Amino acid sequence: MEISSPVSQVYINDDNIETFVCINNFYSLVEPRNTISCDLILSFINCKGIPILKKNYDMPFNGSRFLSIKNIFLEEGIFSKLGA
């Protein structure tokens, strides 16, 4: 179930700035009596609209993720003049 529409964000990773994504299991906050897990899906699209990476993460009940976009790109071998 999607809880929001796609979000666009410009990211910058250099010596002074690094972009992070922090996500909490929304369902846990709304209905704490039900132990509902969910999926976090991050889709990365370049400036021409071409998908370059899609990552899926399990979000356990009351779980959260704190992710570095720079590290995700480095793990996947993706390099960018403006980003990782």
PDB file of N, CA and C in Angstrom:
ATOM      1  N   MET A   1       0.845  -1.176   0.000  1.00  0.00           N
ATOM      2  CA  MET A   1       0.000   0.000   0.000  1.00  0.00           C
ATOM      3  C   MET A   1       0.889   1.237   0.000  1.00  0.00           C
ATOM      4  N   GLU A   2       0.673   2.144  -0.949  1.00  0.00           N
ATOM      5  CA  GLU A   2       1.424   3.397  -0.964  1.00  0.00           C
ATOM      6  C   GLU A   2       0.775   4.377  -0.011  1.00  0.00           C
ATOM      7  N   ILE A   3       1.589   5.078   0.772  1.00  0.00           N
ATOM      8  CA  ILE A   3       1.036   6.069   1.690  1.00  0.00           C
ATOM      9  C   ILE A   3       1.319   7.487   1.224  1.00  0.00           C
ATOM     10  N   SER A   4       2.057   7.628   0.160  1.00  0.00           N
ATOM     11  CA  SER A   4       2.298   8.958  -0.396  1.00  0.00           C
ATOM     12  C   SER A   4       2.632   8.826  -1.871  1.00  0.00           C
ATOM     13  N   SER A   5       2.502   9.924  -2.578  1.00  0.00           N
ATOM     14  CA  SER A   5       2.891   9.936  -3.977  1.00  0.00           C
ATOM     15  C   SER A   5       4.408  10.099  -4.066  1.00  0.00           C
ATOM     16  N   PRO A   6       4.992   9.865  -5.247  1.00  0.00           N
ATOM     17  CA  PRO A   6       6.450  10.033  -5.375  1.00  0.00           C
ATOM     18  C   PRO A   6       6.905  11.443  -4.990  1.00  0.00           C
ATOM     19  N   VAL A   7       8.094  11.525  -4.420  1.00  0.00           N
ATOM     20  CA  VAL A   7       8.653  12.798  -3.976  1.00  0.00           C
ATOM     21  C   VAL A   7       9.946  13.041  -4.734  1.00  0.00           C
ATOM     22  N   SER A   8      10.147  14.254  -5.190  1.00  0.00           N
ATOM     23  CA  SER A   8      11.369  14.609  -5.907  1.00  0.00           C
ATOM     24  C   SER A   8      12.281  15.398  -4.987  1.00  0.00           C
ATOM     25  N   GLN A   9      13.562  15.084  -5.027  1.00  0.00           N
ATOM     26  CA  GLN A   9      14.520  15.791  -4.177  1.00  0.00           C
ATOM     27  C   GLN A   9      15.841  15.913  -4.911  1.00  0.00           C
ATOM     28  N   VAL A  10      16.444  17.086  -4.842  1.00  0.00           N
ATOM     29  CA  VAL A  10      17.788  17.272  -5.370  1.00  0.00           C
ATOM     30  C   VAL A  10      18.752  16.914  -4.250  1.00  0.00           C
ATOM     31  N   TYR A  11      19.737  16.090  -4.544  1.00  0.00           N
ATOM     32  CA  TYR A  11      20.704  15.728  -3.515  1.00  0.00           C
ATOM     33  C   TYR A  11      22.074  16.252  -3.888  1.00  0.00           C
ATOM     34  N   ILE A  12      22.838  16.557  -2.864  1.00  0.00           N
ATOM     35  CA  ILE A  12      24.212  17.029  -3.041  1.00  0.00           C
ATOM     36  C   ILE A  12      25.095  16.243  -2.072  1.00  0.00           C
ATOM     37  N   ASN A  13      26.155  15.679  -2.572  1.00  0.00           N
ATOM     38  CA  ASN A  13      27.134  15.022  -1.719  1.00  0.00           C
ATOM     39  C   ASN A  13      28.501  15.550  -2.098  1.00  0.00           C
ATOM     40  N   ASP A  14      29.083  16.340  -1.198  1.00  0.00           N
ATOM     41  CA  ASP A  14      30.437  16.832  -1.407  1.00  0.00           C
ATOM     42  C   ASP A  14      31.138  16.838  -0.054  1.00  0.00           C
ATOM     43  N   ASP A  15      32.192  17.589   0.083  1.00  0.00           N
ATOM     44  CA  ASP A  15      32.928  17.592   1.348  1.00  0.00           C
ATOM     45  C   ASP A  15      32.121  18.165   2.509  1.00  0.00           C
ATOM     46  N   ASN A  16      31.098  18.984   2.209  1.00  0.00           N
ATOM     47  CA  ASN A  16      30.349  19.650   3.268  1.00  0.00           C
ATOM     48  C   ASN A  16      28.903  19.189   3.423  1.00  0.00           C
ATOM     49  N   ILE A  17      28.330  18.577   2.408  1.00  0.00           N
ATOM     50  CA  ILE A  17      26.912  18.221   2.433  1.00  0.00           C
ATOM     51  C   ILE A  17      26.739  16.770   2.006  1.00  0.00           C
ATOM     52  N   GLU A  18      25.924  16.033   2.750  1.00  0.00           N
ATOM     53  CA  GLU A  18      25.571  14.670   2.377  1.00  0.00           C
ATOM     54  C   GLU A  18      24.082  14.481   2.631  1.00  0.00           C
ATOM     55  N   THR A  19      23.352  13.894   1.685  1.00  0.00           N
ATOM     56  CA  THR A  19      21.919  13.691   1.809  1.00  0.00           C
ATOM     57  C   THR A  19      21.624  12.356   2.484  1.00  0.00           C
ATOM     58  N   PHE A  20      20.715  12.392   3.445  1.00  0.00           N
ATOM     59  CA  PHE A  20      20.259  11.198   4.153  1.00  0.00           C
ATOM     60  C   PHE A  20      18.749  11.089   4.034  1.00  0.00           C
ATOM     61  N   VAL A  21      18.243   9.870   4.136  1.00  0.00           N
ATOM     62  CA  VAL A  21      16.806   9.614   4.180  1.00  0.00           C
ATOM     63  C   VAL A  21      16.531   8.901   5.491  1.00  0.00           C
ATOM     64  N   CYS A  22      15.582   9.420   6.257  1.00  0.00           N
ATOM     65  CA  CYS A  22      15.183   8.776   7.516  1.00  0.00           C
ATOM     66  C   CYS A  22      13.696   8.455   7.422  1.00  0.00           C
ATOM     67  N   ILE A  23      13.351   7.178   7.546  1.00  0.00           N
ATOM     68  CA  ILE A  23      11.975   6.714   7.398  1.00  0.00           C
ATOM     69  C   ILE A  23      11.589   5.893   8.626  1.00  0.00           C
ATOM     70  N   ASN A  24      10.385   6.133   9.130  1.00  0.00           N
ATOM     71  CA  ASN A  24       9.826   5.349  10.233  1.00  0.00           C
ATOM     72  C   ASN A  24       8.641   4.548   9.722  1.00  0.00           C
ATOM     73  N   ASN A  25       8.372   3.409  10.356  1.00  0.00           N
ATOM     74  CA  ASN A  25       7.217   2.593   9.995  1.00  0.00           C
ATOM     75  C   ASN A  25       5.953   3.334  10.412  1.00  0.00           C
ATOM     76  N   PHE A  26       5.344   4.026   9.457  1.00  0.00           N
ATOM     77  CA  PHE A  26       4.163   4.857   9.681  1.00  0.00           C
ATOM     78  C   PHE A  26       3.031   4.070  10.323  1.00  0.00           C
ATOM     79  N   TYR A  27       2.822   2.838   9.892  1.00  0.00           N
ATOM     80  CA  TYR A  27       1.713   2.045  10.403  1.00  0.00           C
ATOM     81  C   TYR A  27       1.814   1.818  11.904  1.00  0.00           C
ATOM     82  N   SER A  28       3.019   1.689  12.417  1.00  0.00           N
ATOM     83  CA  SER A  28       3.216   1.469  13.850  1.00  0.00           C
ATOM     84  C   SER A  28       2.704   2.647  14.662  1.00  0.00           C
ATOM     85  N   LEU A  29       2.822   3.852  14.122  1.00  0.00           N
ATOM     86  CA  LEU A  29       2.379   5.040  14.847  1.00  0.00           C
ATOM     87  C   LEU A  29       0.866   5.186  14.831  1.00  0.00           C
ATOM     88  N   VAL A  30       0.240   4.821  13.715  1.00  0.00           N
ATOM     89  CA  VAL A  30      -1.201   4.994  13.564  1.00  0.00           C
ATOM     90  C   VAL A  30      -1.988   3.908  14.296  1.00  0.00           C
ATOM     91  N   GLU A  31      -1.525   2.680  14.210  1.00  0.00           N
ATOM     92  CA  GLU A  31      -2.231   1.550  14.804  1.00  0.00           C
ATOM     93  C   GLU A  31      -1.252   0.650  15.554  1.00  0.00           C
ATOM     94  N   PRO A  32      -0.816   1.068  16.746  1.00  0.00           N
ATOM     95  CA  PRO A  32       0.225   0.321  17.466  1.00  0.00           C
ATOM     96  C   PRO A  32      -0.195  -1.064  17.943  1.00  0.00           C
ATOM     97  N   ARG A  33      -1.500  -1.351  17.945  1.00  0.00           N
ATOM     98  CA  ARG A  33      -1.955  -2.678  18.399  1.00  0.00           C
ATOM     99  C   ARG A  33      -1.735  -3.746  17.330  1.00  0.00           C
ATOM    100  N   ASN A  34      -1.617  -3.343  16.074  1.00  0.00           N
ATOM    101  CA  ASN A  34      -1.393  -4.294  14.989  1.00  0.00           C
ATOM    102  C   ASN A  34       0.079  -4.278  14.599  1.00  0.00           C
ATOM    103  N   THR A  35       0.719  -5.423  14.671  1.00  0.00           N
ATOM    104  CA  THR A  35       2.141  -5.506  14.336  1.00  0.00           C
ATOM    105  C   THR A  35       2.309  -5.641  12.827  1.00  0.00           C
ATOM    106  N   ILE A  36       2.217  -4.520  12.133  1.00  0.00           N
ATOM    107  CA  ILE A  36       2.265  -4.492  10.677  1.00  0.00           C
ATOM    108  C   ILE A  36       3.655  -4.083  10.208  1.00  0.00           C
ATOM    109  N   SER A  37       4.253  -4.925   9.367  1.00  0.00           N
ATOM    110  CA  SER A  37       5.503  -4.524   8.727  1.00  0.00           C
ATOM    111  C   SER A  37       5.146  -3.880   7.389  1.00  0.00           C
ATOM    112  N   CYS A  38       6.099  -3.203   6.784  1.00  0.00           N
ATOM    113  CA  CYS A  38       5.852  -2.596   5.478  1.00  0.00           C
ATOM    114  C   CYS A  38       7.148  -2.592   4.682  1.00  0.00           C
ATOM    115  N   ASP A  39       7.042  -2.241   3.424  1.00  0.00           N
ATOM    116  CA  ASP A  39       8.198  -2.175   2.543  1.00  0.00           C
ATOM    117  C   ASP A  39       8.530  -0.715   2.253  1.00  0.00           C
ATOM    118  N   LEU A  40       9.805  -0.392   2.300  1.00  0.00           N
ATOM    119  CA  LEU A  40      10.297   0.917   1.885  1.00  0.00           C
ATOM    120  C   LEU A  40      10.927   0.721   0.506  1.00  0.00           C
ATOM    121  N   ILE A  41      10.439   1.450  -0.479  1.00  0.00           N
ATOM    122  CA  ILE A  41      10.974   1.349  -1.836  1.00  0.00           C
ATOM    123  C   ILE A  41      11.514   2.716  -2.235  1.00  0.00           C
ATOM    124  N   LEU A  42      12.828   2.776  -2.485  1.00  0.00           N
ATOM    125  CA  LEU A  42      13.463   4.001  -2.952  1.00  0.00           C
ATOM    126  C   LEU A  42      13.766   3.845  -4.435  1.00  0.00           C
ATOM    127  N   SER A  43      13.277   4.776  -5.238  1.00  0.00           N
ATOM    128  CA  SER A  43      13.536   4.765  -6.676  1.00  0.00           C
ATOM    129  C   SER A  43      14.341   6.002  -7.024  1.00  0.00           C
ATOM    130  N   PHE A  44      15.438   5.808  -7.743  1.00  0.00           N
ATOM    131  CA  PHE A  44      16.297   6.908  -8.158  1.00  0.00           C
ATOM    132  C   PHE A  44      16.187   7.072  -9.663  1.00  0.00           C
ATOM    133  N   ILE A  45      15.912   8.287 -10.090  1.00  0.00           N
ATOM    134  CA  ILE A  45      15.709   8.593 -11.502  1.00  0.00           C
ATOM    135  C   ILE A  45      16.624   9.752 -11.863  1.00  0.00           C
ATOM    136  N   ASN A  46      17.311   9.651 -13.006  1.00  0.00           N
ATOM    137  CA  ASN A  46      18.228  10.734 -13.381  1.00  0.00           C
ATOM    138  C   ASN A  46      17.460  11.932 -13.952  1.00  0.00           C
ATOM    139  N   CYS A  47      18.174  12.973 -14.315  1.00  0.00           N
ATOM    140  CA  CYS A  47      17.554  14.219 -14.776  1.00  0.00           C
ATOM    141  C   CYS A  47      16.813  14.054 -16.101  1.00  0.00           C
ATOM    142  N   LYS A  48      17.049  12.962 -16.810  1.00  0.00           N
ATOM    143  CA  LYS A  48      16.346  12.700 -18.073  1.00  0.00           C
ATOM    144  C   LYS A  48      15.138  11.788 -17.874  1.00  0.00           C
ATOM    145  N   GLY A  49      14.843  11.452 -16.622  1.00  0.00           N
ATOM    146  CA  GLY A  49      13.699  10.600 -16.323  1.00  0.00           C
ATOM    147  C   GLY A  49      13.965   9.121 -16.450  1.00  0.00           C
ATOM    148  N   ILE A  50      15.224   8.741 -16.588  1.00  0.00           N
ATOM    149  CA  ILE A  50      15.591   7.323 -16.744  1.00  0.00           C
ATOM    150  C   ILE A  50      15.875   6.722 -15.364  1.00  0.00           C
ATOM    151  N   PRO A  51      15.189   5.636 -15.006  1.00  0.00           N
ATOM    152  CA  PRO A  51      15.464   4.979 -13.717  1.00  0.00           C
ATOM    153  C   PRO A  51      16.909   4.466 -13.674  1.00  0.00           C
ATOM    154  N   ILE A  52      17.604   4.745 -12.564  1.00  0.00           N
ATOM    155  CA  ILE A  52      18.976   4.262 -12.428  1.00  0.00           C
ATOM    156  C   ILE A  52      19.141   3.255 -11.296  1.00  0.00           C
ATOM    157  N   LEU A  53      18.210   3.266 -10.334  1.00  0.00           N
ATOM    158  CA  LEU A  53      18.330   2.328  -9.220  1.00  0.00           C
ATOM    159  C   LEU A  53      17.016   2.266  -8.459  1.00  0.00           C
ATOM    160  N   LYS A  54      16.672   1.052  -8.017  1.00  0.00           N
ATOM    161  CA  LYS A  54      15.510   0.857  -7.162  1.00  0.00           C
ATOM    162  C   LYS A  54      15.947  -0.054  -6.021  1.00  0.00           C
ATOM    163  N   LYS A  55      15.748   0.388  -4.801  1.00  0.00           N
ATOM    164  CA  LYS A  55      16.151  -0.372  -3.612  1.00  0.00           C
ATOM    165  C   LYS A  55      14.923  -0.645  -2.759  1.00  0.00           C
ATOM    166  N   ASN A  56      14.808  -1.877  -2.272  1.00  0.00           N
ATOM    167  CA  ASN A  56      13.715  -2.277  -1.380  1.00  0.00           C
ATOM    168  C   ASN A  56      14.282  -2.604  -0.009  1.00  0.00           C
ATOM    169  N   TYR A  57      13.605  -2.135   1.020  1.00  0.00           N
ATOM    170  CA  TYR A  57      14.000  -2.414   2.398  1.00  0.00           C
ATOM    171  C   TYR A  57      12.772  -2.874   3.176  1.00  0.00           C
ATOM    172  N   ASP A  58      12.942  -3.855   4.027  1.00  0.00           N
ATOM    173  CA  ASP A  58      11.878  -4.284   4.932  1.00  0.00           C
ATOM    174  C   ASP A  58      11.828  -3.323   6.110  1.00  0.00           C
ATOM    175  N   MET A  59      10.636  -2.905   6.459  1.00  0.00           N
ATOM    176  CA  MET A  59      10.449  -2.027   7.617  1.00  0.00           C
ATOM    177  C   MET A  59       9.643  -2.798   8.658  1.00  0.00           C
ATOM    178  N   PRO A  60      10.306  -3.375   9.660  1.00  0.00           N
ATOM    179  CA  PRO A  60       9.576  -4.143  10.668  1.00  0.00           C
ATOM    180  C   PRO A  60       8.696  -3.243  11.530  1.00  0.00           C
ATOM    181  N   PHE A  61       7.802  -3.847  12.260  1.00  0.00           N
ATOM    182  CA  PHE A  61       6.939  -3.129  13.195  1.00  0.00           C
ATOM    183  C   PHE A  61       7.798  -2.247  14.103  1.00  0.00           C
ATOM    184  N   ASN A  62       7.439  -0.988  14.218  1.00  0.00           N
ATOM    185  CA  ASN A  62       8.184   0.011  14.995  1.00  0.00           C
ATOM    186  C   ASN A  62       9.607   0.211  14.485  1.00  0.00           C
ATOM    187  N   GLY A  63       9.877  -0.182  13.259  1.00  0.00           N
ATOM    188  CA  GLY A  63      11.218  -0.060  12.706  1.00  0.00           C
ATOM    189  C   GLY A  63      11.449   1.281  12.026  1.00  0.00           C
ATOM    190  N   SER A  64      12.710   1.560  11.760  1.00  0.00           N
ATOM    191  CA  SER A  64      13.078   2.770  11.040  1.00  0.00           C
ATOM    192  C   SER A  64      14.365   2.513  10.261  1.00  0.00           C
ATOM    193  N   ARG A  65      14.625   3.377   9.299  1.00  0.00           N
ATOM    194  CA  ARG A  65      15.857   3.310   8.498  1.00  0.00           C
ATOM    195  C   ARG A  65      16.447   4.701   8.388  1.00  0.00           C
ATOM    196  N   PHE A  66      17.751   4.784   8.498  1.00  0.00           N
ATOM    197  CA  PHE A  66      18.498   6.023   8.293  1.00  0.00           C
ATOM    198  C   PHE A  66      19.540   5.702   7.231  1.00  0.00           C
ATOM    199  N   LEU A  67      19.330   6.201   6.016  1.00  0.00           N
ATOM    200  CA  LEU A  67      20.137   5.797   4.871  1.00  0.00           C
ATOM    201  C   LEU A  67      20.898   6.967   4.268  1.00  0.00           C
ATOM    202  N   SER A  68      22.139   6.727   3.894  1.00  0.00           N
ATOM    203  CA  SER A  68      22.967   7.704   3.196  1.00  0.00           C
ATOM    204  C   SER A  68      22.844   7.442   1.697  1.00  0.00           C
ATOM    205  N   ILE A  69      22.389   8.442   0.945  1.00  0.00           N
ATOM    206  CA  ILE A  69      22.282   8.290  -0.505  1.00  0.00           C
ATOM    207  C   ILE A  69      23.673   8.053  -1.098  1.00  0.00           C
ATOM    208  N   LYS A  70      24.670   8.739  -0.578  1.00  0.00           N
ATOM    209  CA  LYS A  70      26.049   8.563  -1.049  1.00  0.00           C
ATOM    210  C   LYS A  70      26.489   7.106  -0.908  1.00  0.00           C
ATOM    211  N   ASN A  71      26.229   6.505   0.257  1.00  0.00           N
ATOM    212  CA  ASN A  71      26.633   5.114   0.487  1.00  0.00           C
ATOM    213  C   ASN A  71      25.848   4.128  -0.376  1.00  0.00           C
ATOM    214  N   ILE A  72      24.551   4.390  -0.576  1.00  0.00           N
ATOM    215  CA  ILE A  72      23.753   3.516  -1.441  1.00  0.00           C
ATOM    216  C   ILE A  72      24.337   3.516  -2.846  1.00  0.00           C
ATOM    217  N   PHE A  73      24.660   4.701  -3.370  1.00  0.00           N
ATOM    218  CA  PHE A  73      25.229   4.787  -4.712  1.00  0.00           C
ATOM    219  C   PHE A  73      26.596   4.114  -4.778  1.00  0.00           C
ATOM    220  N   LEU A  74      27.440   4.319  -3.770  1.00  0.00           N
ATOM    221  CA  LEU A  74      28.767   3.704  -3.767  1.00  0.00           C
ATOM    222  C   LEU A  74      28.668   2.174  -3.741  1.00  0.00           C
ATOM    223  N   GLU A  75      27.728   1.636  -2.935  1.00  0.00           N
ATOM    224  CA  GLU A  75      27.539   0.178  -2.856  1.00  0.00           C
ATOM    225  C   GLU A  75      27.120  -0.402  -4.197  1.00  0.00           C
ATOM    226  N   GLU A  76      26.398   0.377  -4.986  1.00  0.00           N
ATOM    227  CA  GLU A  76      25.902  -0.097  -6.280  1.00  0.00           C
ATOM    228  C   GLU A  76      26.825   0.282  -7.435  1.00  0.00           C
ATOM    229  N   GLY A  77      27.928   0.981  -7.142  1.00  0.00           N
ATOM    230  CA  GLY A  77      28.872   1.381  -8.181  1.00  0.00           C
ATOM    231  C   GLY A  77      28.339   2.475  -9.081  1.00  0.00           C
ATOM    232  N   ILE A  78      27.478   3.333  -8.535  1.00  0.00           N
ATOM    233  CA  ILE A  78      26.916   4.447  -9.308  1.00  0.00           C
ATOM    234  C   ILE A  78      27.661   5.715  -8.930  1.00  0.00           C
ATOM    235  N   PHE A  79      28.160   6.413  -9.950  1.00  0.00           N
ATOM    236  CA  PHE A  79      28.901   7.645  -9.705  1.00  0.00           C
ATOM    237  C   PHE A  79      28.264   8.779 -10.489  1.00  0.00           C
ATOM    238  N   SER A  80      28.276   9.964  -9.916  1.00  0.00           N
ATOM    239  CA  SER A  80      27.634  11.116 -10.524  1.00  0.00           C
ATOM    240  C   SER A  80      28.479  12.350 -10.292  1.00  0.00           C
ATOM    241  N   LYS A  81      28.516  13.257 -11.274  1.00  0.00           N
ATOM    242  CA  LYS A  81      29.260  14.510 -11.112  1.00  0.00           C
ATOM    243  C   LYS A  81      28.666  15.360  -9.995  1.00  0.00           C
ATOM    244  N   LEU A  82      27.338  15.269  -9.804  1.00  0.00           N
ATOM    245  CA  LEU A  82      26.661  16.083  -8.803  1.00  0.00           C
ATOM    246  C   LEU A  82      26.377  15.351  -7.510  1.00  0.00           C
ATOM    247  N   GLY A  83      26.432  14.045  -7.530  1.00  0.00           N
ATOM    248  CA  GLY A  83      26.036  13.290  -6.349  1.00  0.00           C
ATOM    249  C   GLY A  83      27.174  12.526  -5.717  1.00  0.00           C
ATOM    250  N   ALA A  84      27.029  11.191  -5.663  1.00  0.00           N
ATOM    251  CA  ALA A  84      27.972  10.351  -4.941  1.00  0.00           C
ATOM    252  C   ALA A  84      29.326  10.584  -5.467  1.00  0.00           C
TER     253      ALA A  84
END
